[in-house]
Amino acid sequence: MTCLRAAIIDGIGLTRPNPSFIEGVRGILEKNGLSVDIYAGKNVTIDLLRRIGGYGLLILRLHSAIDPRYGFLYLFSAERFNETEYETRFGEERISGAVRQGITFEGEEYFTLRADLLGYMNQGGLNGSTIILMGCNGTNSDHAIDKLFEMGVKAIIAWNGYVDLDYTDKTILKLIEMVYAEGLSFKGAVEKIMDEYGADPIYKSSKLEYLAKPSQANIA
């Protein structure tokens, strides 16, 4: 069953691994009957992001950013950006803006995928999924949110601004514990996380938000 499968996609693990987070999340989920697949480091490719599906819970430990010109949200792969490869491998997607160059705060360049194209090559693969986006500005693109809900995503949990990596690791691990070990709903866990931990301490105003598919809005 899809609801009993979870995936952790850890592109950030290429340069900022956190084994305690990965093993902590996996341990909680497996203890509660979920099968967990982990895609980490160089395995986090544009192709993986386009084809991912079949999971009830999808945890994206990825950098993410908003394109200031059009307002699209982009998800970072762990594939280093190369201009020649960009032109030859992603010709059509480059023109359409589906794949772009992304630059982290540390100046590292990666290929990124427009977030509304997550899992688009796996038709129906995101149906019923809850997505946890651990990077920055995950709720700041109405386009991405609307498209993911159209693809069948049940709920999206993400930050509404910039977030420090250590903070998102700590709070998302606690979120998973609250839901799977303590029995809270995702919505209730997000509210409790914000009550207990508050906004990101580095960027001050960034908060974790729970967004539900319109038909699911009144379901805990």
Protein backbone atom coordinates (compact mmCIF):
# COMPACT_ATOMS: atom_id res chain seq x y z
CA MET A 1 0.00 0.00 0.00
CA THR A 2 1.22 3.49 -0.84
CA CYS A 3 0.43 4.77 2.65
CA LEU A 4 2.92 2.29 4.15
CA ARG A 5 5.84 3.49 2.04
CA ALA A 6 8.03 6.51 2.76
CA ALA A 7 11.02 8.04 1.00
CA ILE A 8 13.69 10.43 2.18
CA ILE A 9 15.36 12.34 -0.65
CA ASP A 10 18.54 13.84 0.78
CA GLY A 11 20.27 15.95 -1.84
CA ILE A 12 21.79 18.17 0.83
CA GLY A 13 23.55 15.08 2.13
CA LEU A 14 26.08 15.52 -0.67
CA THR A 15 27.73 18.42 1.20
CA ARG A 16 25.93 18.60 4.57
CA PRO A 17 25.13 15.05 5.65
CA ASN A 18 23.27 14.45 8.89
CA PRO A 19 23.21 10.70 9.60
CA SER A 20 21.49 11.25 12.95
CA PHE A 21 18.54 12.88 11.21
CA ILE A 22 18.28 10.21 8.52
CA GLU A 23 18.57 7.30 10.92
CA GLY A 24 16.29 8.98 13.44
CA VAL A 25 13.51 9.45 10.91
CA ARG A 26 13.99 5.99 9.43
CA GLY A 27 13.91 4.37 12.86
CA ILE A 28 10.64 6.05 13.85
CA LEU A 29 8.93 5.25 10.55
CA GLU A 30 10.08 1.64 10.40
CA LYS A 31 9.06 1.08 14.03
CA ASN A 32 5.59 2.19 13.00
CA GLY A 33 5.33 -0.20 10.07
CA LEU A 34 6.50 1.93 7.15
CA SER A 35 8.92 0.74 4.52
CA VAL A 36 11.54 3.47 4.01
CA ASP A 37 13.63 4.14 0.90
CA ILE A 38 16.51 6.62 1.08
CA TYR A 39 17.93 8.46 -1.91
CA ALA A 40 21.01 10.41 -0.92
CA GLY A 41 23.88 12.44 -2.32
CA LYS A 42 24.66 11.88 -6.01
CA ASN A 43 21.63 9.62 -6.35
CA VAL A 44 19.43 12.71 -6.11
CA THR A 45 19.22 13.54 -9.80
CA ILE A 46 16.81 15.52 -11.93
CA ASP A 47 15.60 12.21 -13.33
CA LEU A 48 14.85 10.90 -9.83
CA LEU A 49 12.84 14.02 -8.98
CA ARG A 50 10.87 13.72 -12.21
CA ARG A 51 10.08 10.03 -11.69
CA ILE A 52 9.55 9.79 -7.92
CA GLY A 53 6.22 8.35 -6.81
CA GLY A 54 4.45 5.58 -4.98
CA TYR A 55 5.06 6.91 -1.48
CA GLY A 56 2.55 7.95 1.14
CA LEU A 57 5.19 10.16 2.76
CA LEU A 58 7.86 12.02 0.82
CA ILE A 59 10.51 13.90 2.83
CA LEU A 60 12.60 16.23 0.68
CA ARG A 61 15.84 17.28 2.38
CA LEU A 62 16.67 19.53 -0.54
CA HIS A 63 17.65 23.11 -1.11
CA SER A 64 14.80 25.05 -2.71
CA ALA A 65 14.41 28.57 -4.03
CA ILE A 66 11.92 30.94 -5.62
CA ASP A 67 12.68 32.36 -9.07
CA PRO A 68 12.25 36.11 -8.39
CA ARG A 69 11.18 36.85 -11.95
CA TYR A 70 8.27 34.44 -12.32
CA GLY A 71 7.69 33.23 -8.76
CA PHE A 72 8.24 29.56 -9.54
CA LEU A 73 9.62 27.27 -6.83
CA TYR A 74 12.65 25.16 -7.81
CA LEU A 75 13.97 22.04 -6.10
CA PHE A 76 17.72 21.44 -6.12
CA SER A 77 19.09 18.12 -7.27
CA ALA A 78 22.58 17.04 -6.20
CA GLU A 79 23.82 17.22 -9.80
CA ARG A 80 26.44 19.92 -10.26
CA PHE A 81 25.49 22.46 -12.90
CA ASN A 82 27.39 22.39 -16.18
CA GLU A 83 26.57 24.82 -19.01
CA THR A 84 27.45 22.40 -21.81
CA GLU A 85 25.39 19.61 -20.31
CA TYR A 86 22.56 22.08 -19.74
CA GLU A 87 22.36 22.82 -23.45
CA THR A 88 22.79 19.26 -24.71
CA ARG A 89 20.88 17.27 -22.10
CA PHE A 90 18.13 19.70 -21.20
CA GLY A 91 17.57 21.62 -24.42
CA GLU A 92 13.77 21.72 -24.39
CA GLU A 93 13.49 21.86 -20.60
CA ARG A 94 15.99 24.71 -20.51
CA ILE A 95 13.86 26.72 -22.93
CA SER A 96 10.63 26.03 -21.02
CA GLY A 97 12.19 26.77 -17.63
CA ALA A 98 11.51 23.25 -16.34
CA VAL A 99 15.19 22.83 -15.44
CA ARG A 100 17.30 25.75 -14.30
CA GLN A 101 20.63 26.59 -12.74
CA GLY A 102 20.40 27.02 -8.97
CA ILE A 103 22.98 28.57 -6.67
CA THR A 104 23.09 27.94 -2.91
CA PHE A 105 24.08 30.52 -0.30
CA GLU A 106 27.52 28.86 -0.34
CA GLY A 107 27.84 29.55 -4.07
CA GLU A 108 27.44 25.92 -5.16
CA GLU A 109 25.72 25.48 -8.53
CA TYR A 110 23.26 22.66 -9.19
CA PHE A 111 20.61 21.63 -11.68
CA THR A 112 17.15 22.38 -10.30
CA LEU A 113 13.68 21.18 -11.25
CA ARG A 114 10.57 23.36 -11.18
CA ALA A 115 8.64 22.04 -8.20
CA ASP A 116 5.35 21.54 -10.02
CA LEU A 117 7.12 18.90 -12.13
CA LEU A 118 8.01 16.71 -9.16
CA GLY A 119 6.97 13.17 -10.08
CA TYR A 120 5.33 14.23 -13.33
CA MET A 121 6.81 11.27 -15.24
CA ASN A 122 5.18 8.83 -12.80
CA GLN A 123 1.52 9.35 -13.59
CA GLY A 124 -0.55 9.13 -10.42
CA GLY A 125 2.59 8.50 -8.37
CA LEU A 126 1.94 11.37 -5.96
CA ASN A 127 -1.72 10.57 -5.44
CA GLY A 128 -2.44 10.58 -1.71
CA SER A 129 1.09 11.62 -0.76
CA THR A 130 2.08 13.94 2.06
CA ILE A 131 5.14 15.96 1.08
CA ILE A 132 7.51 17.51 3.62
CA LEU A 133 9.76 20.07 1.97
CA MET A 134 12.65 20.94 4.28
CA GLY A 135 14.23 23.71 2.19
CA CYS A 136 13.48 27.42 1.92
CA ASN A 137 10.28 29.11 0.73
CA GLY A 138 8.34 25.91 0.17
CA THR A 139 4.91 27.50 0.60
CA ASN A 140 5.68 30.66 -1.35
CA SER A 141 4.67 29.48 -4.82
CA ASP A 142 0.93 29.20 -5.42
CA HIS A 143 1.72 27.72 -8.83
CA ALA A 144 3.67 24.80 -7.36
CA ILE A 145 1.16 24.18 -4.59
CA ASP A 146 -1.84 24.22 -6.92
CA LYS A 147 -0.17 21.89 -9.43
CA LEU A 148 0.93 19.40 -6.78
CA PHE A 149 -2.58 19.27 -5.37
CA GLU A 150 -3.90 18.72 -8.90
CA MET A 151 -1.52 15.76 -9.15
CA GLY A 152 -3.18 14.23 -6.09
CA VAL A 153 -0.86 15.34 -3.28
CA LYS A 154 -2.85 15.25 -0.04
CA ALA A 155 -0.83 17.69 2.06
CA ILE A 156 2.29 19.83 1.91
CA ILE A 157 4.39 20.77 4.95
CA ALA A 158 7.02 23.41 4.27
CA TRP A 159 8.62 26.66 5.42
CA ASN A 160 7.25 30.04 4.37
CA GLY A 161 10.70 31.67 4.20
CA TYR A 162 14.40 30.99 4.57
CA VAL A 163 15.33 28.29 7.06
CA ASP A 164 18.57 27.22 8.70
CA LEU A 165 19.55 23.63 7.92
CA ASP A 166 20.19 22.63 11.53
CA TYR A 167 16.81 24.03 12.54
CA THR A 168 14.86 22.28 9.82
CA ASP A 169 16.61 19.00 10.65
CA LYS A 170 15.73 19.34 14.32
CA THR A 171 12.11 20.36 13.86
CA ILE A 172 11.26 17.87 11.10
CA LEU A 173 12.69 15.00 13.13
CA LYS A 174 10.49 16.16 16.03
CA LEU A 175 7.53 16.43 13.66
CA ILE A 176 7.94 12.82 12.56
CA GLU A 177 8.17 11.74 16.20
CA MET A 178 5.00 13.66 17.11
CA VAL A 179 3.02 12.10 14.26
CA TYR A 180 4.25 8.50 14.30
CA ALA A 181 5.27 8.00 17.93
CA GLU A 182 2.85 10.32 19.72
CA GLY A 183 -0.16 10.00 17.42
CA LEU A 184 -0.71 13.63 16.45
CA SER A 185 -2.05 14.59 13.03
CA PHE A 186 0.38 16.34 10.70
CA LYS A 187 -1.59 19.55 11.12
CA GLY A 188 -1.57 19.24 14.89
CA ALA A 189 2.14 18.43 14.94
CA VAL A 190 2.99 21.49 12.84
CA GLU A 191 0.99 23.70 15.19
CA LYS A 192 2.69 22.17 18.24
CA ILE A 193 6.14 22.54 16.67
CA MET A 194 5.53 26.25 16.12
CA ASP A 195 4.14 26.69 19.64
CA GLU A 196 7.11 24.94 21.24
CA TYR A 197 10.00 25.95 18.95
CA GLY A 198 8.80 29.09 17.20
CA ALA A 199 10.06 30.65 13.99
CA ASP A 200 13.51 29.92 12.59
CA PRO A 201 16.02 31.51 15.01
CA ILE A 202 18.36 32.67 12.26
CA TYR A 203 15.89 34.17 9.79
CA LYS A 204 13.40 35.04 12.58
CA SER A 205 10.11 35.11 10.66
CA SER A 206 10.17 31.76 8.83
CA LYS A 207 7.48 29.38 10.04
CA LEU A 208 6.52 25.82 9.24
CA GLU A 209 3.11 25.60 7.56
CA TYR A 210 0.62 22.81 6.84
CA LEU A 211 -1.31 23.07 3.58
CA ALA A 212 -4.02 20.56 2.71
CA LYS A 213 -5.63 19.77 -0.60
CA PRO A 214 -8.94 21.71 -0.64
CA SER A 215 -11.02 18.54 -0.29
CA GLN A 216 -8.80 17.50 2.63
CA ALA A 217 -8.77 20.88 4.39
CA ASN A 218 -11.11 19.82 7.18
CA ILE A 219 -9.48 16.44 7.73
CA ALA A 220 -6.92 16.25 10.56
